[in-house]
Amino acid sequence: MRSEPYNVLENGVAGRLPEEMVLFTHLSGEAEETEETESGQEMLVPFAFEEMLCRDVGAGQVPPVLHLWSHPGGVALGLRDSRLPRAGAAMQALEAQGIRTAVRHSGGAAVPLDAGIVSVSLLLPKRPGKLDFHDDFRLLASLIAEAVAVSHPQAAALIRAEEVTGSYCPGDFDLAIGGRKFCGIAQRRQSNAYFVHAFVVVSGSGQARGELIRSFYAQAADGDESLEYPRVQPETIAALGELGGPDSAAVFTAGIRQAVARRGTLLKPADRLQQETGYSLQYGDPRVLQAAHVLRERYAR
């Protein structure tokens, strides 16, 4: 059943964050080119990293996590997208342009990834009792609106959660300003933990990204209008910077950190966790790379 649209900030603070969380960051352009950043160029490594990290959260090896990351240039497809008749050729066409492609294992359809799109993930242990994924979506939606409000309160006051018809990867918890989508939210659950993540278009052209995904579907569907896939209208997508909000990943992620702190959550950097407990997980770790390989083999068309 479709959720009713609502103004995110006027709806009030949704859900509670844990008292302590660990912060992992992998933002394109922020670090020198190292083996760690080069490993992240593989499209599925960030997803595999979160898969492994989520298992460790569920096993109690690490506290709940906030992961902020971006990818220099790619398109992450949904499983249904990969089954379109010419999806393979459409993916090859993107790869020829230097745009990495992969099929992601969390919910949703095709989304672009680049340095101007910040992915915000909450990795949390499962609570006792029945879980309602709407609660988790509302929690992340309110956190993103609060992050925007740190630097651009007028824009944040206009954020609504609603499905934006014509956007790529449409869903009930699209975040939009003036009917133009800048964020989509998805989730994945494991046995003892789960993660909910958002792809936030911060800077650059939303319409250009919408055109990229529209072009993918045009080739992948091979003109068959009877197939089920998002009919993307590029003008329905915009970046926060185009909507009066923060126009850089640095400003937006600083807002996320402040929004978390304002909720009373202690945010501990990953390197401090390593110093205190010895726990470490990086993109280049063998089990992350192996998990990325398994995901690619499992979800390859």
C-alpha atoms as a PDB file:
ATOM      1  CA  MET A   1       0.000   0.000   0.000  1.00  0.00           C
ATOM      2  CA  ARG A   2       1.370   3.408  -1.003  1.00  0.00           C
ATOM      3  CA  SER A   3       2.339   5.731   1.844  1.00  0.00           C
ATOM      4  CA  GLU A   4       0.731   9.156   2.010  1.00  0.00           C
ATOM      5  CA  PRO A   5       3.032  12.057   1.050  1.00  0.00           C
ATOM      6  CA  TYR A   6       4.205  14.183   3.959  1.00  0.00           C
ATOM      7  CA  ASN A   7       6.460  17.110   4.808  1.00  0.00           C
ATOM      8  CA  VAL A   8       9.463  15.433   6.427  1.00  0.00           C
ATOM      9  CA  LEU A   9      10.419  18.120   8.966  1.00  0.00           C
ATOM     10  CA  GLU A  10       6.843  19.011   9.885  1.00  0.00           C
ATOM     11  CA  ASN A  11       6.188  15.324  10.492  1.00  0.00           C
ATOM     12  CA  GLY A  12       8.570  15.490  13.459  1.00  0.00           C
ATOM     13  CA  VAL A  13      11.624  13.438  14.447  1.00  0.00           C
ATOM     14  CA  ALA A  14      11.107   9.877  13.215  1.00  0.00           C
ATOM     15  CA  GLY A  15      12.588   6.969  15.143  1.00  0.00           C
ATOM     16  CA  ARG A  16      15.646   6.870  17.373  1.00  0.00           C
ATOM     17  CA  LEU A  17      19.296   6.350  16.589  1.00  0.00           C
ATOM     18  CA  PRO A  18      21.501   4.183  18.826  1.00  0.00           C
ATOM     19  CA  GLU A  19      23.440   5.933  21.581  1.00  0.00           C
ATOM     20  CA  GLU A  20      26.704   5.158  19.789  1.00  0.00           C
ATOM     21  CA  MET A  21      27.516   4.587  16.121  1.00  0.00           C
ATOM     22  CA  VAL A  22      30.735   4.061  14.172  1.00  0.00           C
ATOM     23  CA  LEU A  23      31.411   6.273  11.165  1.00  0.00           C
ATOM     24  CA  PHE A  24      32.954   4.759   8.021  1.00  0.00           C
ATOM     25  CA  THR A  25      33.561   7.096   5.078  1.00  0.00           C
ATOM     26  CA  HIS A  26      34.515   6.348   1.466  1.00  0.00           C
ATOM     27  CA  LEU A  27      33.856   9.579  -0.434  1.00  0.00           C
ATOM     28  CA  SER A  28      35.270   9.965  -3.947  1.00  0.00           C
ATOM     29  CA  GLY A  29      37.829  12.719  -4.273  1.00  0.00           C
ATOM     30  CA  GLU A  30      38.508  13.048  -0.533  1.00  0.00           C
ATOM     31  CA  ALA A  31      41.417  10.615  -0.286  1.00  0.00           C
ATOM     32  CA  GLU A  32      44.633  10.107  -2.208  1.00  0.00           C
ATOM     33  CA  GLU A  33      44.639   7.313  -4.764  1.00  0.00           C
ATOM     34  CA  THR A  34      45.532   4.235  -2.718  1.00  0.00           C
ATOM     35  CA  GLU A  35      44.785   0.545  -2.955  1.00  0.00           C
ATOM     36  CA  GLU A  36      41.785   1.245  -0.739  1.00  0.00           C
ATOM     37  CA  THR A  37      40.250   3.862  -3.068  1.00  0.00           C
ATOM     38  CA  GLU A  38      41.162   1.885  -6.179  1.00  0.00           C
ATOM     39  CA  SER A  39      39.339  -1.171  -4.795  1.00  0.00           C
ATOM     40  CA  GLY A  40      36.242   1.003  -4.457  1.00  0.00           C
ATOM     41  CA  GLN A  41      36.189   1.633  -8.214  1.00  0.00           C
ATOM     42  CA  GLU A  42      34.669  -1.844  -8.647  1.00  0.00           C
ATOM     43  CA  MET A  43      30.941  -1.162  -8.571  1.00  0.00           C
ATOM     44  CA  LEU A  44      29.982  -3.887  -6.119  1.00  0.00           C
ATOM     45  CA  VAL A  45      32.740  -3.311  -3.559  1.00  0.00           C
ATOM     46  CA  PRO A  46      30.782  -0.676  -1.559  1.00  0.00           C
ATOM     47  CA  PHE A  47      27.764  -2.999  -1.486  1.00  0.00           C
ATOM     48  CA  ALA A  48      29.934  -5.989  -0.504  1.00  0.00           C
ATOM     49  CA  PHE A  49      31.619  -3.871   2.184  1.00  0.00           C
ATOM     50  CA  GLU A  50      28.218  -3.116   3.702  1.00  0.00           C
ATOM     51  CA  GLU A  51      27.194  -6.769   3.414  1.00  0.00           C
ATOM     52  CA  MET A  52      30.232  -7.824   5.473  1.00  0.00           C
ATOM     53  CA  LEU A  53      29.912  -4.917   7.888  1.00  0.00           C
ATOM     54  CA  CYS A  54      26.237  -5.690   8.441  1.00  0.00           C
ATOM     55  CA  ARG A  55      27.108  -9.290   9.334  1.00  0.00           C
ATOM     56  CA  ASP A  56      29.604  -8.027  11.889  1.00  0.00           C
ATOM     57  CA  VAL A  57      27.014  -5.646  13.357  1.00  0.00           C
ATOM     58  CA  GLY A  58      24.593  -8.568  13.657  1.00  0.00           C
ATOM     59  CA  ALA A  59      27.275 -10.683  15.348  1.00  0.00           C
ATOM     60  CA  GLY A  60      27.985  -7.937  17.882  1.00  0.00           C
ATOM     61  CA  GLN A  61      31.559  -7.452  16.662  1.00  0.00           C
ATOM     62  CA  VAL A  62      30.970  -3.782  15.895  1.00  0.00           C
ATOM     63  CA  PRO A  63      28.404  -1.213  17.097  1.00  0.00           C
ATOM     64  CA  PRO A  64      25.745   0.162  14.735  1.00  0.00           C
ATOM     65  CA  VAL A  65      27.261   1.980  11.773  1.00  0.00           C
ATOM     66  CA  LEU A  66      26.804   5.101   9.680  1.00  0.00           C
ATOM     67  CA  HIS A  67      28.483   4.669   6.285  1.00  0.00           C
ATOM     68  CA  LEU A  68      28.924   7.665   3.959  1.00  0.00           C
ATOM     69  CA  TRP A  69      30.230   6.836   0.505  1.00  0.00           C
ATOM     70  CA  SER A  70      30.234   7.764  -3.154  1.00  0.00           C
ATOM     71  CA  HIS A  71      31.455   6.191  -6.374  1.00  0.00           C
ATOM     72  CA  PRO A  72      33.337   8.068  -9.115  1.00  0.00           C
ATOM     73  CA  GLY A  73      31.002   6.922 -11.881  1.00  0.00           C
ATOM     74  CA  GLY A  74      28.610   4.033 -12.319  1.00  0.00           C
ATOM     75  CA  VAL A  75      25.069   2.744 -12.673  1.00  0.00           C
ATOM     76  CA  ALA A  76      23.675   0.231 -10.174  1.00  0.00           C
ATOM     77  CA  LEU A  77      20.814  -1.783 -11.643  1.00  0.00           C
ATOM     78  CA  GLY A  78      17.956  -3.549  -9.942  1.00  0.00           C
ATOM     79  CA  LEU A  79      17.513  -7.272 -10.550  1.00  0.00           C
ATOM     80  CA  ARG A  80      14.454  -6.674 -12.742  1.00  0.00           C
ATOM     81  CA  ASP A  81      16.428  -4.226 -14.885  1.00  0.00           C
ATOM     82  CA  SER A  82      19.030  -6.902 -15.602  1.00  0.00           C
ATOM     83  CA  ARG A  83      16.326  -9.123 -17.101  1.00  0.00           C
ATOM     84  CA  LEU A  84      15.299  -6.677 -19.813  1.00  0.00           C
ATOM     85  CA  PRO A  85      15.955  -8.189 -23.271  1.00  0.00           C
ATOM     86  CA  ARG A  86      18.971  -6.018 -24.190  1.00  0.00           C
ATOM     87  CA  ALA A  87      20.208  -5.188 -20.704  1.00  0.00           C
ATOM     88  CA  GLY A  88      23.604  -6.744 -21.409  1.00  0.00           C
ATOM     89  CA  ALA A  89      24.167  -4.572 -24.483  1.00  0.00           C
ATOM     90  CA  ALA A  90      22.985  -1.467 -22.631  1.00  0.00           C
ATOM     91  CA  MET A  91      25.420  -2.208 -19.786  1.00  0.00           C
ATOM     92  CA  GLN A  92      28.254  -2.690 -22.268  1.00  0.00           C
ATOM     93  CA  ALA A  93      27.418   0.671 -23.852  1.00  0.00           C
ATOM     94  CA  LEU A  94      27.755   2.350 -20.445  1.00  0.00           C
ATOM     95  CA  GLU A  95      31.023   0.553 -19.735  1.00  0.00           C
ATOM     96  CA  ALA A  96      32.374   1.793 -23.086  1.00  0.00           C
ATOM     97  CA  GLN A  97      31.762   5.341 -21.808  1.00  0.00           C
ATOM     98  CA  GLY A  98      33.761   4.616 -18.653  1.00  0.00           C
ATOM     99  CA  ILE A  99      30.625   4.154 -16.535  1.00  0.00           C
ATOM    100  CA  ARG A 100      30.846   1.035 -14.365  1.00  0.00           C
ATOM    101  CA  THR A 101      27.753  -1.171 -14.085  1.00  0.00           C
ATOM    102  CA  ALA A 102      26.530  -3.884 -11.737  1.00  0.00           C
ATOM    103  CA  VAL A 103      23.320  -5.405 -10.408  1.00  0.00           C
ATOM    104  CA  ARG A 104      22.712  -4.520  -6.770  1.00  0.00           C
ATOM    105  CA  HIS A 105      21.141  -6.848  -4.242  1.00  0.00           C
ATOM    106  CA  SER A 106      19.124  -4.268  -2.295  1.00  0.00           C
ATOM    107  CA  GLY A 107      15.682  -3.244  -3.462  1.00  0.00           C
ATOM    108  CA  GLY A 108      14.965  -0.801  -6.250  1.00  0.00           C
ATOM    109  CA  ALA A 109      15.713  -0.110  -9.893  1.00  0.00           C
ATOM    110  CA  ALA A 110      18.582   1.543 -11.784  1.00  0.00           C
ATOM    111  CA  VAL A 111      20.335   4.491 -10.121  1.00  0.00           C
ATOM    112  CA  PRO A 112      23.400   6.481 -11.197  1.00  0.00           C
ATOM    113  CA  LEU A 113      26.373   6.818  -8.869  1.00  0.00           C
ATOM    114  CA  ASP A 114      29.031   9.519  -9.074  1.00  0.00           C
ATOM    115  CA  ALA A 115      31.025  11.870  -6.862  1.00  0.00           C
ATOM    116  CA  GLY A 116      28.059  14.266  -6.603  1.00  0.00           C
ATOM    117  CA  ILE A 117      25.762  11.554  -5.229  1.00  0.00           C
ATOM    118  CA  VAL A 118      26.295  10.718  -1.557  1.00  0.00           C
ATOM    119  CA  SER A 119      25.135   7.339  -0.276  1.00  0.00           C
ATOM    120  CA  VAL A 120      24.019   7.377   3.362  1.00  0.00           C
ATOM    121  CA  SER A 121      23.646   3.981   5.029  1.00  0.00           C
ATOM    122  CA  LEU A 122      22.493   3.012   8.510  1.00  0.00           C
ATOM    123  CA  LEU A 123      23.557  -0.501   9.553  1.00  0.00           C
ATOM    124  CA  LEU A 124      21.638  -1.640  12.605  1.00  0.00           C
ATOM    125  CA  PRO A 125      21.118  -4.835  14.631  1.00  0.00           C
ATOM    126  CA  LYS A 126      17.643  -6.305  14.479  1.00  0.00           C
ATOM    127  CA  ARG A 127      15.447  -5.332  17.382  1.00  0.00           C
ATOM    128  CA  PRO A 128      13.166  -7.840  19.159  1.00  0.00           C
ATOM    129  CA  GLY A 129       9.666  -8.057  17.734  1.00  0.00           C
ATOM    130  CA  LYS A 130       8.262  -7.344  14.299  1.00  0.00           C
ATOM    131  CA  LEU A 131      10.118  -4.798  12.181  1.00  0.00           C
ATOM    132  CA  ASP A 132       8.333  -2.250  10.019  1.00  0.00           C
ATOM    133  CA  PHE A 133      10.580  -1.102   7.191  1.00  0.00           C
ATOM    134  CA  HIS A 134       8.510   2.084   6.904  1.00  0.00           C
ATOM    135  CA  ASP A 135       9.859   3.138  10.308  1.00  0.00           C
ATOM    136  CA  ASP A 136      13.432   2.751   9.083  1.00  0.00           C
ATOM    137  CA  PHE A 137      12.691   4.680   5.888  1.00  0.00           C
ATOM    138  CA  ARG A 138      11.131   7.502   7.930  1.00  0.00           C
ATOM    139  CA  LEU A 139      14.147   7.533  10.248  1.00  0.00           C
ATOM    140  CA  LEU A 140      16.601   7.963   7.382  1.00  0.00           C
ATOM    141  CA  ALA A 141      14.349  10.459   5.584  1.00  0.00           C
ATOM    142  CA  SER A 142      14.138  12.652   8.687  1.00  0.00           C
ATOM    143  CA  LEU A 143      17.906  12.408   9.249  1.00  0.00           C
ATOM    144  CA  ILE A 144      18.567  13.589   5.678  1.00  0.00           C
ATOM    145  CA  ALA A 145      16.113  16.497   6.051  1.00  0.00           C
ATOM    146  CA  GLU A 146      17.785  17.465   9.331  1.00  0.00           C
ATOM    147  CA  ALA A 147      21.179  17.341   7.612  1.00  0.00           C
ATOM    148  CA  VAL A 148      19.967  19.705   4.891  1.00  0.00           C
ATOM    149  CA  ALA A 149      18.525  22.000   7.583  1.00  0.00           C
ATOM    150  CA  VAL A 150      21.976  22.454   9.164  1.00  0.00           C
ATOM    151  CA  SER A 151      23.152  24.599   6.248  1.00  0.00           C
ATOM    152  CA  HIS A 152      19.956  25.339   4.269  1.00  0.00           C
ATOM    153  CA  PRO A 153      16.901  25.428   6.575  1.00  0.00           C
ATOM    154  CA  GLN A 154      14.582  27.006   4.000  1.00  0.00           C
ATOM    155  CA  ALA A 155      15.185  24.185   1.523  1.00  0.00           C
ATOM    156  CA  ALA A 156      14.840  21.549   4.245  1.00  0.00           C
ATOM    157  CA  ALA A 157      11.415  22.894   5.200  1.00  0.00           C
ATOM    158  CA  LEU A 158      10.190  22.072   1.681  1.00  0.00           C
ATOM    159  CA  ILE A 159      11.309  18.417   1.614  1.00  0.00           C
ATOM    160  CA  ARG A 160       8.484  15.958   1.117  1.00  0.00           C
ATOM    161  CA  ALA A 161       8.462  12.158   1.144  1.00  0.00           C
ATOM    162  CA  GLU A 162       6.392  10.954  -1.819  1.00  0.00           C
ATOM    163  CA  GLU A 163       6.690   8.809  -4.908  1.00  0.00           C
ATOM    164  CA  VAL A 164       7.799  11.017  -7.796  1.00  0.00           C
ATOM    165  CA  THR A 165       6.215   9.701 -10.983  1.00  0.00           C
ATOM    166  CA  GLY A 166       8.696   9.771 -13.844  1.00  0.00           C
ATOM    167  CA  SER A 167      11.792   9.567 -11.654  1.00  0.00           C
ATOM    168  CA  TYR A 168      14.298   6.745 -11.836  1.00  0.00           C
ATOM    169  CA  CYS A 169      13.922   4.087  -9.132  1.00  0.00           C
ATOM    170  CA  PRO A 170      10.580   5.511  -7.919  1.00  0.00           C
ATOM    171  CA  GLY A 171       9.330   4.618  -4.434  1.00  0.00           C
ATOM    172  CA  ASP A 172       7.045   5.758  -1.632  1.00  0.00           C
ATOM    173  CA  PHE A 173       9.956   7.350   0.209  1.00  0.00           C
ATOM    174  CA  ASP A 174      11.438   9.412  -2.582  1.00  0.00           C
ATOM    175  CA  LEU A 175      12.529  12.751  -1.133  1.00  0.00           C
ATOM    176  CA  ALA A 176      11.637  15.757  -3.259  1.00  0.00           C
ATOM    177  CA  ILE A 177      11.436  19.540  -3.260  1.00  0.00           C
ATOM    178  CA  GLY A 178       8.829  21.108  -5.497  1.00  0.00           C
ATOM    179  CA  GLY A 179       7.987  17.721  -6.991  1.00  0.00           C
ATOM    180  CA  ARG A 180      11.564  17.068  -8.153  1.00  0.00           C
ATOM    181  CA  LYS A 181      13.300  14.066  -6.626  1.00  0.00           C
ATOM    182  CA  PHE A 182      16.795  14.304  -5.123  1.00  0.00           C
ATOM    183  CA  CYS A 183      16.890  11.124  -3.036  1.00  0.00           C
ATOM    184  CA  GLY A 184      15.714   7.522  -3.053  1.00  0.00           C
ATOM    185  CA  ILE A 185      15.804   5.023  -0.176  1.00  0.00           C
ATOM    186  CA  ALA A 186      16.255   1.240  -0.227  1.00  0.00           C
ATOM    187  CA  GLN A 187      17.004  -1.483   2.316  1.00  0.00           C
ATOM    188  CA  ARG A 188      18.316  -4.997   2.795  1.00  0.00           C
ATOM    189  CA  ARG A 189      17.858  -7.375   5.730  1.00  0.00           C
ATOM    190  CA  GLN A 190      20.046 -10.147   7.067  1.00  0.00           C
ATOM    191  CA  SER A 191      19.375 -12.676   9.826  1.00  0.00           C
ATOM    192  CA  ASN A 192      20.578 -10.526  12.731  1.00  0.00           C
ATOM    193  CA  ALA A 193      20.994  -7.044  11.245  1.00  0.00           C
ATOM    194  CA  TYR A 194      19.848  -4.858   8.379  1.00  0.00           C
ATOM    195  CA  PHE A 195      20.761  -1.714   6.536  1.00  0.00           C
ATOM    196  CA  VAL A 196      18.746   1.082   5.039  1.00  0.00           C
ATOM    197  CA  HIS A 197      20.460   3.409   2.614  1.00  0.00           C
ATOM    198  CA  ALA A 198      19.747   6.528   0.604  1.00  0.00           C
ATOM    199  CA  PHE A 199      21.264   7.787  -2.634  1.00  0.00           C
ATOM    200  CA  VAL A 200      21.278  11.579  -2.278  1.00  0.00           C
ATOM    201  CA  VAL A 201      21.858  13.688  -5.406  1.00  0.00           C
ATOM    202  CA  VAL A 202      23.770  16.636  -3.961  1.00  0.00           C
ATOM    203  CA  SER A 203      25.542  18.445  -6.807  1.00  0.00           C
ATOM    204  CA  GLY A 204      25.599  18.545 -10.601  1.00  0.00           C
ATOM    205  CA  SER A 205      22.657  18.114 -12.957  1.00  0.00           C
ATOM    206  CA  GLY A 206      19.751  15.939 -11.897  1.00  0.00           C
ATOM    207  CA  GLN A 207      18.276  16.062 -15.384  1.00  0.00           C
ATOM    208  CA  ALA A 208      21.510  14.790 -16.963  1.00  0.00           C
ATOM    209  CA  ARG A 209      21.472  11.815 -14.608  1.00  0.00           C
ATOM    210  CA  GLY A 210      17.832  11.168 -15.447  1.00  0.00           C
ATOM    211  CA  GLU A 211      18.711  11.225 -19.147  1.00  0.00           C
ATOM    212  CA  LEU A 212      21.476   8.672 -18.531  1.00  0.00           C
ATOM    213  CA  ILE A 213      19.037   6.232 -16.930  1.00  0.00           C
ATOM    214  CA  ARG A 214      16.314   6.953 -19.511  1.00  0.00           C
ATOM    215  CA  SER A 215      18.791   6.115 -22.277  1.00  0.00           C
ATOM    216  CA  PHE A 216      19.755   2.869 -20.545  1.00  0.00           C
ATOM    217  CA  TYR A 217      16.125   1.740 -20.411  1.00  0.00           C
ATOM    218  CA  ALA A 218      15.496   2.768 -24.032  1.00  0.00           C
ATOM    219  CA  GLN A 219      18.271   0.431 -25.170  1.00  0.00           C
ATOM    220  CA  ALA A 220      17.682  -2.322 -22.614  1.00  0.00           C
ATOM    221  CA  ALA A 221      13.946  -2.610 -23.387  1.00  0.00           C
ATOM    222  CA  ASP A 222      14.625  -2.542 -27.124  1.00  0.00           C
ATOM    223  CA  GLY A 223      11.472  -0.519 -27.779  1.00  0.00           C
ATOM    224  CA  ASP A 224       9.106  -3.057 -26.196  1.00  0.00           C
ATOM    225  CA  GLU A 225       6.479  -0.870 -24.492  1.00  0.00           C
ATOM    226  CA  SER A 226       4.784  -3.914 -22.957  1.00  0.00           C
ATOM    227  CA  LEU A 227       7.702  -4.460 -20.562  1.00  0.00           C
ATOM    228  CA  GLU A 228       7.634  -3.229 -16.982  1.00  0.00           C
ATOM    229  CA  TYR A 229      10.351  -0.705 -16.197  1.00  0.00           C
ATOM    230  CA  PRO A 230      10.438   2.940 -15.008  1.00  0.00           C
ATOM    231  CA  ARG A 231       9.470   5.431 -17.724  1.00  0.00           C
ATOM    232  CA  VAL A 232      11.997   8.050 -16.727  1.00  0.00           C
ATOM    233  CA  GLN A 233      11.239  11.716 -17.327  1.00  0.00           C
ATOM    234  CA  PRO A 234      14.624  13.398 -16.719  1.00  0.00           C
ATOM    235  CA  GLU A 235      13.113  16.732 -15.664  1.00  0.00           C
ATOM    236  CA  THR A 236      11.684  15.087 -12.522  1.00  0.00           C
ATOM    237  CA  ILE A 237      15.214  14.659 -11.082  1.00  0.00           C
ATOM    238  CA  ALA A 238      17.239  17.461  -9.480  1.00  0.00           C
ATOM    239  CA  ALA A 239      20.283  17.878  -7.256  1.00  0.00           C
ATOM    240  CA  LEU A 240      19.970  19.489  -3.841  1.00  0.00           C
ATOM    241  CA  GLY A 241      22.162  22.307  -5.109  1.00  0.00           C
ATOM    242  CA  GLU A 242      19.616  22.976  -7.868  1.00  0.00           C
ATOM    243  CA  LEU A 243      16.792  23.067  -5.310  1.00  0.00           C
ATOM    244  CA  GLY A 244      18.253  25.609  -2.909  1.00  0.00           C
ATOM    245  CA  GLY A 245      20.058  23.083  -0.727  1.00  0.00           C
ATOM    246  CA  PRO A 246      23.733  22.205  -0.149  1.00  0.00           C
ATOM    247  CA  ASP A 247      25.671  21.926  -3.405  1.00  0.00           C
ATOM    248  CA  SER A 248      28.700  19.939  -2.275  1.00  0.00           C
ATOM    249  CA  ALA A 249      29.260  16.515  -0.739  1.00  0.00           C
ATOM    250  CA  ALA A 250      31.418  18.097   1.964  1.00  0.00           C
ATOM    251  CA  VAL A 251      28.663  20.441   3.144  1.00  0.00           C
ATOM    252  CA  PHE A 252      26.001  17.731   3.025  1.00  0.00           C
ATOM    253  CA  THR A 253      28.051  15.111   4.895  1.00  0.00           C
ATOM    254  CA  ALA A 254      29.014  17.688   7.521  1.00  0.00           C
ATOM    255  CA  GLY A 255      25.280  18.228   7.963  1.00  0.00           C
ATOM    256  CA  ILE A 256      24.712  14.485   8.397  1.00  0.00           C
ATOM    257  CA  ARG A 257      27.325  14.346  11.147  1.00  0.00           C
ATOM    258  CA  GLN A 258      25.793  17.318  12.929  1.00  0.00           C
ATOM    259  CA  ALA A 259      22.261  15.941  12.588  1.00  0.00           C
ATOM    260  CA  VAL A 260      23.376  12.661  14.171  1.00  0.00           C
ATOM    261  CA  ALA A 261      25.113  14.509  17.005  1.00  0.00           C
ATOM    262  CA  ARG A 262      22.048  16.675  17.643  1.00  0.00           C
ATOM    263  CA  ARG A 263      20.071  13.497  18.223  1.00  0.00           C
ATOM    264  CA  GLY A 264      22.432  12.676  21.087  1.00  0.00           C
ATOM    265  CA  THR A 265      24.315   9.896  19.300  1.00  0.00           C
ATOM    266  CA  LEU A 266      28.060   9.555  19.841  1.00  0.00           C
ATOM    267  CA  LEU A 267      29.656   9.164  16.409  1.00  0.00           C
ATOM    268  CA  LYS A 268      32.970   7.337  16.657  1.00  0.00           C
ATOM    269  CA  PRO A 269      35.409   7.337  13.694  1.00  0.00           C
ATOM    270  CA  ALA A 270      36.340   3.893  12.381  1.00  0.00           C
ATOM    271  CA  ASP A 271      40.043   4.431  13.106  1.00  0.00           C
ATOM    272  CA  ARG A 272      39.250   5.095  16.776  1.00  0.00           C
ATOM    273  CA  LEU A 273      37.247   1.869  16.917  1.00  0.00           C
ATOM    274  CA  GLN A 274      40.285   0.057  15.524  1.00  0.00           C
ATOM    275  CA  GLN A 275      42.542   1.620  18.164  1.00  0.00           C
ATOM    276  CA  GLU A 276      40.163   0.640  20.962  1.00  0.00           C
ATOM    277  CA  THR A 277      39.099  -2.851  19.843  1.00  0.00           C
ATOM    278  CA  GLY A 278      41.327  -3.930  16.968  1.00  0.00           C
ATOM    279  CA  TYR A 279      38.325  -4.167  14.617  1.00  0.00           C
ATOM    280  CA  SER A 280      39.047  -3.089  11.063  1.00  0.00           C
ATOM    281  CA  LEU A 281      37.260  -3.502   7.735  1.00  0.00           C
ATOM    282  CA  GLN A 282      38.347  -1.895   4.476  1.00  0.00           C
ATOM    283  CA  TYR A 283      37.336  -2.009   0.838  1.00  0.00           C
ATOM    284  CA  GLY A 284      40.501  -3.940   0.001  1.00  0.00           C
ATOM    285  CA  ASP A 285      39.999  -6.672   2.621  1.00  0.00           C
ATOM    286  CA  PRO A 286      39.950 -10.164   1.037  1.00  0.00           C
ATOM    287  CA  ARG A 287      36.527 -11.041   2.422  1.00  0.00           C
ATOM    288  CA  VAL A 288      35.052  -7.833   0.987  1.00  0.00           C
ATOM    289  CA  LEU A 289      36.557  -8.528  -2.427  1.00  0.00           C
ATOM    290  CA  GLN A 290      35.361 -12.124  -2.280  1.00  0.00           C
ATOM    291  CA  ALA A 291      31.868 -10.966  -1.336  1.00  0.00           C
ATOM    292  CA  ALA A 292      31.899  -8.556  -4.300  1.00  0.00           C
ATOM    293  CA  HIS A 293      32.857 -11.456  -6.577  1.00  0.00           C
ATOM    294  CA  VAL A 294      30.058 -13.618  -5.173  1.00  0.00           C
ATOM    295  CA  LEU A 295      27.514 -10.818  -5.623  1.00  0.00           C
ATOM    296  CA  ARG A 296      28.563 -10.260  -9.217  1.00  0.00           C
ATOM    297  CA  GLU A 297      28.347 -13.978  -9.997  1.00  0.00           C
ATOM    298  CA  ARG A 298      24.998 -14.328  -8.234  1.00  0.00           C
ATOM    299  CA  TYR A 299      23.305 -11.319  -9.791  1.00  0.00           C
ATOM    300  CA  ALA A 300      25.006 -11.224 -13.183  1.00  0.00           C
ATOM    301  CA  ARG A 301      22.565 -11.465 -16.061  1.00  0.00           C
END
